PDB file of N, CA and C in Angstrom:
ATOM      1  N   MET A   1     -77.701 -53.173  -9.412  1.00  0.00           N
ATOM      2  CA  MET A   1     -77.054 -54.175  -8.769  1.00  0.00           C
ATOM      3  C   MET A   1     -75.988 -53.922  -7.764  1.00  0.00           C
ATOM      4  N   GLU A   2     -75.780 -54.704  -6.567  1.00  0.00           N
ATOM      5  CA  GLU A   2     -74.531 -54.624  -5.607  1.00  0.00           C
ATOM      6  C   GLU A   2     -73.353 -55.467  -5.784  1.00  0.00           C
ATOM      7  N   ILE A   3     -72.448 -55.192  -5.519  1.00  0.00           N
ATOM      8  CA  ILE A   3     -71.309 -55.719  -5.668  1.00  0.00           C
ATOM      9  C   ILE A   3     -71.187 -57.002  -4.336  1.00  0.00           C
ATOM     10  N   CYS A   4     -70.765 -57.992  -4.563  1.00  0.00           N
ATOM     11  CA  CYS A   4     -71.108 -59.308  -3.919  1.00  0.00           C
ATOM     12  C   CYS A   4     -70.490 -59.140  -2.413  1.00  0.00           C
ATOM     13  N   VAL A   5     -71.008 -60.027  -1.663  1.00  0.00           N
ATOM     14  CA  VAL A   5     -70.734 -59.885  -0.094  1.00  0.00           C
ATOM     15  C   VAL A   5     -69.301 -59.963   0.126  1.00  0.00           C
ATOM     16  N   HIS A   6     -68.505 -60.780  -0.719  1.00  0.00           N
ATOM     17  CA  HIS A   6     -67.212 -61.323  -0.477  1.00  0.00           C
ATOM     18  C   HIS A   6     -66.363 -60.079  -1.041  1.00  0.00           C
ATOM     19  N   LEU A   7     -66.551 -59.296  -1.887  1.00  0.00           N
ATOM     20  CA  LEU A   7     -66.049 -58.059  -2.379  1.00  0.00           C
ATOM     21  C   LEU A   7     -66.250 -56.759  -1.612  1.00  0.00           C
ATOM     22  N   LYS A   8     -67.367 -56.857  -0.992  1.00  0.00           N
ATOM     23  CA  LYS A   8     -68.020 -55.853  -0.172  1.00  0.00           C
ATOM     24  C   LYS A   8     -67.007 -54.794   0.795  1.00  0.00           C
ATOM     25  N   GLN A   9     -66.282 -55.473   1.552  1.00  0.00           N
ATOM     26  CA  GLN A   9     -65.278 -54.849   2.499  1.00  0.00           C
ATOM     27  C   GLN A   9     -64.274 -54.116   1.519  1.00  0.00           C
ATOM     28  N   ILE A  10     -63.756 -54.662   0.524  1.00  0.00           N
ATOM     29  CA  ILE A  10     -62.750 -53.955  -0.511  1.00  0.00           C
ATOM     30  C   ILE A  10     -63.516 -52.822  -0.979  1.00  0.00           C
ATOM     31  N   PHE A  11     -64.728 -53.041  -1.411  1.00  0.00           N
ATOM     32  CA  PHE A  11     -65.311 -51.785  -2.099  1.00  0.00           C
ATOM     33  C   PHE A  11     -65.357 -50.528  -0.799  1.00  0.00           C
ATOM     34  N   THR A  12     -65.943 -51.045   0.234  1.00  0.00           N
ATOM     35  CA  THR A  12     -66.083 -50.028   1.247  1.00  0.00           C
ATOM     36  C   THR A  12     -64.917 -49.440   1.743  1.00  0.00           C
ATOM     37  N   PHE A  13     -63.650 -50.133   1.681  1.00  0.00           N
ATOM     38  CA  PHE A  13     -62.420 -49.578   2.038  1.00  0.00           C
ATOM     39  C   PHE A  13     -61.630 -48.394   1.265  1.00  0.00           C
ATOM     40  N   GLU A  14     -62.183 -48.959  -0.238  1.00  0.00           N
ATOM     41  CA  GLU A  14     -61.767 -47.982  -1.455  1.00  0.00           C
ATOM     42  C   GLU A  14     -62.390 -46.469  -1.077  1.00  0.00           C
ATOM     43  N   LEU A  15     -63.889 -46.825  -1.068  1.00  0.00           N
ATOM     44  CA  LEU A  15     -64.548 -45.357  -0.802  1.00  0.00           C
ATOM     45  C   LEU A  15     -64.238 -45.040   0.238  1.00  0.00           C
ATOM     46  N   GLU A  16     -63.927 -45.430   1.349  1.00  0.00           N
ATOM     47  CA  GLU A  16     -63.502 -44.539   2.700  1.00  0.00           C
ATOM     48  C   GLU A  16     -62.251 -44.051   2.306  1.00  0.00           C
ATOM     49  N   ARG A  17     -61.103 -44.534   1.566  1.00  0.00           N
ATOM     50  CA  ARG A  17     -60.045 -43.701   1.247  1.00  0.00           C
ATOM     51  C   ARG A  17     -60.203 -42.774   0.156  1.00  0.00           C
ATOM     52  N   GLY A  18     -61.274 -42.471  -0.231  1.00  0.00           N
ATOM     53  CA  GLY A  18     -61.525 -41.572  -1.529  1.00  0.00           C
ATOM     54  C   GLY A  18     -61.760 -41.908  -2.803  1.00  0.00           C
ATOM     55  N   ASN A  19     -61.612 -43.235  -2.871  1.00  0.00           N
ATOM     56  CA  ASN A  19     -61.789 -43.663  -4.466  1.00  0.00           C
ATOM     57  C   ASN A  19     -63.287 -43.468  -4.969  1.00  0.00           C
ATOM     58  N   ALA A  20     -63.350 -43.658  -5.978  1.00  0.00           N
ATOM     59  CA  ALA A  20     -64.887 -43.436  -6.789  1.00  0.00           C
ATOM     60  C   ALA A  20     -65.007 -44.254  -7.643  1.00  0.00           C
ATOM     61  N   ILE A  21     -66.455 -44.622  -8.285  1.00  0.00           N
ATOM     62  CA  ILE A  21     -66.627 -45.485  -9.174  1.00  0.00           C
ATOM     63  C   ILE A  21     -66.514 -44.597 -10.606  1.00  0.00           C
ATOM     64  N   GLN A  22     -65.904 -45.465 -11.443  1.00  0.00           N
ATOM     65  CA  GLN A  22     -65.571 -44.760 -12.871  1.00  0.00           C
ATOM     66  C   GLN A  22     -66.638 -45.334 -13.686  1.00  0.00           C
ATOM     67  N   HIS A  23     -66.618 -46.727 -13.588  1.00  0.00           N
ATOM     68  CA  HIS A  23     -67.851 -47.407 -14.362  1.00  0.00           C
ATOM     69  C   HIS A  23     -68.127 -48.471 -13.635  1.00  0.00           C
ATOM     70  N   GLU A  24     -69.198 -48.921 -13.740  1.00  0.00           N
ATOM     71  CA  GLU A  24     -70.242 -50.263 -13.220  1.00  0.00           C
ATOM     72  C   GLU A  24     -70.912 -51.014 -14.052  1.00  0.00           C
ATOM     73  N   GLY A  25     -71.139 -52.239 -14.229  1.00  0.00           N
ATOM     74  CA  GLY A  25     -71.856 -53.243 -14.677  1.00  0.00           C
ATOM     75  C   GLY A  25     -71.175 -54.318 -15.254  1.00  0.00           C
ATOM     76  N   GLN A  26     -71.791 -54.911 -16.442  1.00  0.00           N
ATOM     77  CA  GLN A  26     -71.188 -55.968 -17.051  1.00  0.00           C
ATOM     78  C   GLN A  26     -70.029 -55.544 -17.937  1.00  0.00           C
ATOM     79  N   LEU A  27     -68.909 -55.215 -17.391  1.00  0.00           N
ATOM     80  CA  LEU A  27     -67.878 -54.585 -18.131  1.00  0.00           C
ATOM     81  C   LEU A  27     -67.016 -55.662 -18.747  1.00  0.00           C
ATOM     82  N   TRP A  28     -67.018 -56.775 -18.284  1.00  0.00           N
ATOM     83  CA  TRP A  28     -65.972 -57.964 -18.652  1.00  0.00           C
ATOM     84  C   TRP A  28     -67.004 -59.171 -18.877  1.00  0.00           C
ATOM     85  N   THR A  29     -66.548 -59.695 -20.034  1.00  0.00           N
ATOM     86  CA  THR A  29     -67.465 -61.031 -20.618  1.00  0.00           C
ATOM     87  C   THR A  29     -67.429 -62.291 -19.352  1.00  0.00           C
ATOM     88  N   LYS A  30     -66.294 -62.273 -18.801  1.00  0.00           N
ATOM     89  CA  LYS A  30     -66.088 -63.202 -17.654  1.00  0.00           C
ATOM     90  C   LYS A  30     -66.957 -63.206 -16.379  1.00  0.00           C
ATOM     91  N   MET A  31     -67.168 -61.601 -16.045  1.00  0.00           N
ATOM     92  CA  MET A  31     -67.737 -61.614 -14.789  1.00  0.00           C
ATOM     93  C   MET A  31     -69.413 -60.945 -15.036  1.00  0.00           C
ATOM     94  N   GLU A  32     -70.004 -61.444 -14.090  1.00  0.00           N
ATOM     95  CA  GLU A  32     -71.524 -60.991 -14.310  1.00  0.00           C
ATOM     96  C   GLU A  32     -71.740 -59.295 -13.963  1.00  0.00           C
ATOM     97  N   TYR A  33     -70.729 -58.779 -12.889  1.00  0.00           N
ATOM     98  CA  TYR A  33     -70.987 -57.481 -12.547  1.00  0.00           C
ATOM     99  C   TYR A  33     -69.427 -57.171 -12.079  1.00  0.00           C
ATOM    100  N   SER A  34     -69.068 -55.908 -12.587  1.00  0.00           N
ATOM    101  CA  SER A  34     -67.899 -55.307 -12.516  1.00  0.00           C
ATOM    102  C   SER A  34     -68.036 -53.827 -11.820  1.00  0.00           C
ATOM    103  N   ILE A  35     -66.954 -53.317 -11.213  1.00  0.00           N
ATOM    104  CA  ILE A  35     -66.598 -52.052 -10.617  1.00  0.00           C
ATOM    105  C   ILE A  35     -65.553 -51.712 -10.646  1.00  0.00           C
ATOM    106  N   TYR A  36     -65.446 -50.526 -11.929  1.00  0.00           N
ATOM    107  CA  TYR A  36     -63.882 -50.050 -12.157  1.00  0.00           C
ATOM    108  C   TYR A  36     -64.029 -48.617 -11.295  1.00  0.00           C
ATOM    109  N   LEU A  37     -62.827 -48.745 -10.467  1.00  0.00           N
ATOM    110  CA  LEU A  37     -62.708 -47.599  -9.866  1.00  0.00           C
ATOM    111  C   LEU A  37     -61.399 -46.507 -10.668  1.00  0.00           C
ATOM    112  N   GLU A  38     -61.754 -45.056 -10.239  1.00  0.00           N
ATOM    113  CA  GLU A  38     -60.802 -44.114 -10.955  1.00  0.00           C
ATOM    114  C   GLU A  38     -59.646 -44.179 -10.580  1.00  0.00           C
ATOM    115  N   LYS A  39     -59.176 -44.719  -9.208  1.00  0.00           N
ATOM    116  CA  LYS A  39     -57.772 -44.683  -8.964  1.00  0.00           C
ATOM    117  C   LYS A  39     -57.303 -46.192  -8.567  1.00  0.00           C
ATOM    118  N   PRO A  40     -56.071 -46.360  -8.596  1.00  0.00           N
ATOM    119  CA  PRO A  40     -55.923 -47.783  -8.208  1.00  0.00           C
ATOM    120  C   PRO A  40     -55.874 -48.200  -6.790  1.00  0.00           C
ATOM    121  N   LEU A  41     -56.333 -49.523  -6.609  1.00  0.00           N
ATOM    122  CA  LEU A  41     -56.731 -50.011  -5.356  1.00  0.00           C
ATOM    123  C   LEU A  41     -55.356 -49.920  -4.585  1.00  0.00           C
ATOM    124  N   ASP A  42     -55.676 -49.986  -3.453  1.00  0.00           N
ATOM    125  CA  ASP A  42     -54.368 -49.925  -2.253  1.00  0.00           C
ATOM    126  C   ASP A  42     -54.306 -51.288  -1.967  1.00  0.00           C
ATOM    127  N   MET A  43     -53.629 -52.252  -3.081  1.00  0.00           N
ATOM    128  CA  MET A  43     -53.703 -53.853  -2.863  1.00  0.00           C
ATOM    129  C   MET A  43     -52.628 -54.189  -1.535  1.00  0.00           C
ATOM    130  N   GLU A  44     -51.665 -53.634  -1.538  1.00  0.00           N
ATOM    131  CA  GLU A  44     -50.957 -53.857  -0.383  1.00  0.00           C
ATOM    132  C   GLU A  44     -51.537 -53.781   1.119  1.00  0.00           C
ATOM    133  N   THR A  45     -52.273 -52.623   1.052  1.00  0.00           N
ATOM    134  CA  THR A  45     -53.139 -52.629   2.572  1.00  0.00           C
ATOM    135  C   THR A  45     -54.222 -53.736   2.514  1.00  0.00           C
ATOM    136  N   ILE A  46     -54.886 -53.796   1.681  1.00  0.00           N
ATOM    137  CA  ILE A  46     -56.165 -54.559   1.288  1.00  0.00           C
ATOM    138  C   ILE A  46     -55.723 -56.114   1.505  1.00  0.00           C
ATOM    139  N   ARG A  47     -54.837 -56.587   0.996  1.00  0.00           N
ATOM    140  CA  ARG A  47     -54.115 -57.864   1.296  1.00  0.00           C
ATOM    141  C   ARG A  47     -53.501 -58.055   2.793  1.00  0.00           C
ATOM    142  N   LYS A  48     -53.053 -57.088   3.323  1.00  0.00           N
ATOM    143  CA  LYS A  48     -52.454 -57.377   4.682  1.00  0.00           C
ATOM    144  C   LYS A  48     -53.354 -56.844   5.847  1.00  0.00           C
ATOM    145  N   THR A  49     -54.623 -56.252   5.569  1.00  0.00           N
ATOM    146  CA  THR A  49     -55.558 -55.718   6.745  1.00  0.00           C
ATOM    147  C   THR A  49     -56.992 -56.521   6.522  1.00  0.00           C
ATOM    148  N   LEU A  50     -57.261 -57.012   5.326  1.00  0.00           N
ATOM    149  CA  LEU A  50     -58.754 -57.421   5.261  1.00  0.00           C
ATOM    150  C   LEU A  50     -58.701 -58.899   5.276  1.00  0.00           C
ATOM    151  N   GLN A  51     -59.791 -59.616   5.986  1.00  0.00           N
ATOM    152  CA  GLN A  51     -59.928 -60.991   5.927  1.00  0.00           C
ATOM    153  C   GLN A  51     -60.431 -61.470   4.681  1.00  0.00           C
ATOM    154  N   LEU A  52     -59.820 -61.640   3.685  1.00  0.00           N
ATOM    155  CA  LEU A  52     -60.759 -62.110   2.151  1.00  0.00           C
ATOM    156  C   LEU A  52     -61.153 -63.646   2.208  1.00  0.00           C
ATOM    157  N   ASP A  53     -62.031 -63.895   1.823  1.00  0.00           N
ATOM    158  CA  ASP A  53     -62.802 -65.334   1.451  1.00  0.00           C
ATOM    159  C   ASP A  53     -61.780 -65.903   0.743  1.00  0.00           C
ATOM    160  N   LYS A  54     -61.599 -67.222   0.749  1.00  0.00           N
ATOM    161  CA  LYS A  54     -60.891 -68.200  -0.334  1.00  0.00           C
ATOM    162  C   LYS A  54     -61.449 -67.771  -1.695  1.00  0.00           C
ATOM    163  N   CYS A  55     -62.593 -67.536  -1.890  1.00  0.00           N
ATOM    164  CA  CYS A  55     -63.020 -67.254  -3.144  1.00  0.00           C
ATOM    165  C   CYS A  55     -62.761 -66.007  -3.651  1.00  0.00           C
ATOM    166  N   VAL A  56     -62.146 -65.259  -3.124  1.00  0.00           N
ATOM    167  CA  VAL A  56     -61.590 -63.880  -3.614  1.00  0.00           C
ATOM    168  C   VAL A  56     -60.212 -64.073  -3.957  1.00  0.00           C
ATOM    169  N   LYS A  57     -60.033 -63.775  -5.307  1.00  0.00           N
ATOM    170  CA  LYS A  57     -58.794 -63.814  -5.829  1.00  0.00           C
ATOM    171  C   LYS A  57     -58.117 -62.575  -6.601  1.00  0.00           C
ATOM    172  N   GLN A  58     -56.885 -62.288  -6.570  1.00  0.00           N
ATOM    173  CA  GLN A  58     -56.098 -61.171  -7.291  1.00  0.00           C
ATOM    174  C   GLN A  58     -56.125 -61.288  -8.683  1.00  0.00           C
ATOM    175  N   LEU A  59     -56.362 -60.235  -9.246  1.00  0.00           N
ATOM    176  CA  LEU A  59     -56.195 -60.184 -10.968  1.00  0.00           C
ATOM    177  C   LEU A  59     -55.436 -58.779 -11.379  1.00  0.00           C
ATOM    178  N   LYS A  60     -54.377 -59.146 -12.483  1.00  0.00           N
ATOM    179  CA  LYS A  60     -53.935 -57.998 -13.016  1.00  0.00           C
ATOM    180  C   LYS A  60     -53.892 -58.101 -14.419  1.00  0.00           C
ATOM    181  N   SER A  61     -54.115 -57.129 -15.122  1.00  0.00           N
ATOM    182  CA  SER A  61     -53.929 -57.131 -16.656  1.00  0.00           C
ATOM    183  C   SER A  61     -52.947 -56.066 -17.007  1.00  0.00           C
ATOM    184  N   ASP A  62     -51.940 -56.688 -17.665  1.00  0.00           N
ATOM    185  CA  ASP A  62     -50.799 -55.684 -18.246  1.00  0.00           C
ATOM    186  C   ASP A  62     -50.798 -55.433 -19.695  1.00  0.00           C
ATOM    187  N   ASP A  63     -52.222 -55.968 -20.286  1.00  0.00           N
ATOM    188  CA  ASP A  63     -52.526 -55.274 -21.643  1.00  0.00           C
ATOM    189  C   ASP A  63     -52.280 -54.172 -21.881  1.00  0.00           C
ATOM    190  N   PRO A  64     -51.589 -53.571 -22.754  1.00  0.00           N
ATOM    191  CA  PRO A  64     -51.292 -52.306 -23.131  1.00  0.00           C
ATOM    192  C   PRO A  64     -52.378 -51.422 -23.527  1.00  0.00           C
ATOM    193  N   HIS A  65     -53.481 -52.056 -23.973  1.00  0.00           N
ATOM    194  CA  HIS A  65     -54.574 -51.308 -24.065  1.00  0.00           C
ATOM    195  C   HIS A  65     -55.495 -51.027 -22.782  1.00  0.00           C
ATOM    196  N   PHE A  66     -55.418 -51.996 -21.602  1.00  0.00           N
ATOM    197  CA  PHE A  66     -56.267 -51.699 -20.595  1.00  0.00           C
ATOM    198  C   PHE A  66     -55.462 -52.363 -19.381  1.00  0.00           C
ATOM    199  N   PHE A  67     -54.601 -51.352 -18.803  1.00  0.00           N
ATOM    200  CA  PHE A  67     -53.931 -51.762 -17.407  1.00  0.00           C
ATOM    201  C   PHE A  67     -54.873 -51.876 -16.293  1.00  0.00           C
ATOM    202  N   MET A  68     -55.162 -52.744 -15.625  1.00  0.00           N
ATOM    203  CA  MET A  68     -55.820 -52.621 -14.381  1.00  0.00           C
ATOM    204  C   MET A  68     -55.805 -53.812 -13.571  1.00  0.00           C
ATOM    205  N   GLU A  69     -55.720 -53.384 -12.082  1.00  0.00           N
ATOM    206  CA  GLU A  69     -55.641 -54.393 -11.188  1.00  0.00           C
ATOM    207  C   GLU A  69     -56.581 -54.407  -9.951  1.00  0.00           C
ATOM    208  N   GLY A  70     -56.784 -55.812  -9.489  1.00  0.00           N
ATOM    209  CA  GLY A  70     -57.965 -55.955  -8.483  1.00  0.00           C
ATOM    210  C   GLY A  70     -58.216 -57.270  -8.002  1.00  0.00           C
ATOM    211  N   PHE A  71     -59.594 -57.374  -7.869  1.00  0.00           N
ATOM    212  CA  PHE A  71     -59.923 -58.553  -7.079  1.00  0.00           C
ATOM    213  C   PHE A  71     -61.047 -59.208  -7.870  1.00  0.00           C
ATOM    214  N   TYR A  72     -61.343 -60.271  -7.950  1.00  0.00           N
ATOM    215  CA  TYR A  72     -62.590 -61.138  -8.288  1.00  0.00           C
ATOM    216  C   TYR A  72     -63.030 -62.122  -7.454  1.00  0.00           C
ATOM    217  N   CYS A  73     -64.231 -62.389  -7.617  1.00  0.00           N
ATOM    218  CA  CYS A  73     -65.117 -63.678  -6.475  1.00  0.00           C
ATOM    219  C   CYS A  73     -64.958 -64.724  -7.587  1.00  0.00           C
ATOM    220  N   GLU A  74     -64.586 -65.727  -7.400  1.00  0.00           N
ATOM    221  CA  GLU A  74     -64.769 -66.907  -8.226  1.00  0.00           C
ATOM    222  C   GLU A  74     -66.199 -67.406  -7.949  1.00  0.00           C
ATOM    223  N   LYS A  75     -66.778 -67.330  -6.742  1.00  0.00           N
ATOM    224  CA  LYS A  75     -68.115 -67.841  -6.453  1.00  0.00           C
ATOM    225  C   LYS A  75     -69.255 -66.903  -7.055  1.00  0.00           C
ATOM    226  N   CYS A  76     -69.328 -65.801  -7.076  1.00  0.00           N
ATOM    227  CA  CYS A  76     -70.263 -64.907  -7.491  1.00  0.00           C
ATOM    228  C   CYS A  76     -70.133 -64.216  -9.013  1.00  0.00           C
ATOM    229  N   LYS A  77     -68.675 -64.420  -9.454  1.00  0.00           N
ATOM    230  CA  LYS A  77     -68.341 -63.827 -10.718  1.00  0.00           C
ATOM    231  C   LYS A  77     -68.652 -62.258 -10.665  1.00  0.00           C
ATOM    232  N   HIS A  78     -68.051 -61.640  -9.530  1.00  0.00           N
ATOM    233  CA  HIS A  78     -68.069 -60.287  -9.630  1.00  0.00           C
ATOM    234  C   HIS A  78     -66.551 -60.004  -9.447  1.00  0.00           C
ATOM    235  N   ASN A  79     -66.148 -58.418 -10.007  1.00  0.00           N
ATOM    236  CA  ASN A  79     -64.778 -57.866  -9.644  1.00  0.00           C
ATOM    237  C   ASN A  79     -64.836 -56.496  -9.144  1.00  0.00           C
ATOM    238  N   ILE A  80     -63.745 -56.273  -8.915  1.00  0.00           N
ATOM    239  CA  ILE A  80     -63.448 -54.818  -8.345  1.00  0.00           C
ATOM    240  C   ILE A  80     -62.079 -54.530  -8.760  1.00  0.00           C
ATOM    241  N   ASP A  81     -61.793 -53.248  -9.565  1.00  0.00           N
ATOM    242  CA  ASP A  81     -60.552 -53.181  -9.896  1.00  0.00           C
ATOM    243  C   ASP A  81     -60.602 -51.547 -10.210  1.00  0.00           C
ATOM    244  N   GLY A  82     -59.065 -51.434 -10.545  1.00  0.00           N
ATOM    245  CA  GLY A  82     -58.915 -50.029 -10.842  1.00  0.00           C
ATOM    246  C   GLY A  82     -57.482 -49.822 -11.585  1.00  0.00           C
ATOM    247  N   PRO A  83     -57.104 -49.091 -12.199  1.00  0.00           N
ATOM    248  CA  PRO A  83     -56.016 -48.772 -13.080  1.00  0.00           C
ATOM    249  C   PRO A  83     -54.872 -49.234 -12.103  1.00  0.00           C
ATOM    250  N   PHE A  84     -54.039 -49.352 -12.892  1.00  0.00           N
ATOM    251  CA  PHE A  84     -52.304 -49.452 -12.252  1.00  0.00           C
ATOM    252  C   PHE A  84     -51.132 -48.990 -13.490  1.00  0.00           C
ATOM    253  N   TYR A  85     -50.219 -48.488 -12.954  1.00  0.00           N
ATOM    254  CA  TYR A  85     -49.428 -47.986 -13.739  1.00  0.00           C
ATOM    255  C   TYR A  85     -48.178 -48.558 -13.595  1.00  0.00           C
ATOM    256  N   LEU A  86     -47.446 -48.707 -14.586  1.00  0.00           N
ATOM    257  CA  LEU A  86     -46.143 -49.446 -14.605  1.00  0.00           C
ATOM    258  C   LEU A  86     -44.852 -48.426 -14.184  1.00  0.00           C
ATOM    259  N   LYS A  87     -43.939 -49.134 -13.225  1.00  0.00           N
ATOM    260  CA  LYS A  87     -43.098 -48.221 -13.075  1.00  0.00           C
ATOM    261  C   LYS A  87     -41.852 -48.426 -13.887  1.00  0.00           C
TER     262      LYS A  87
END
């Protein structure tokens, strides 16, 4: 399966900056397809430079068992995220 068209530019951007897939598939019950990257996403650059569709929303989990941050598509039920670290 491939990431939806609404998240594709985020995925391409992250691969071009050297990030890599750690896990993919149905990793989250609310999403049909997920990509979890090895390194944190460059959230600031993504928000400032990419033209994201309105169906793309930011997500963040500060659950102590699984810290992650990224984006999901409300329309396609896909998400792309990576770890984040508390400061």
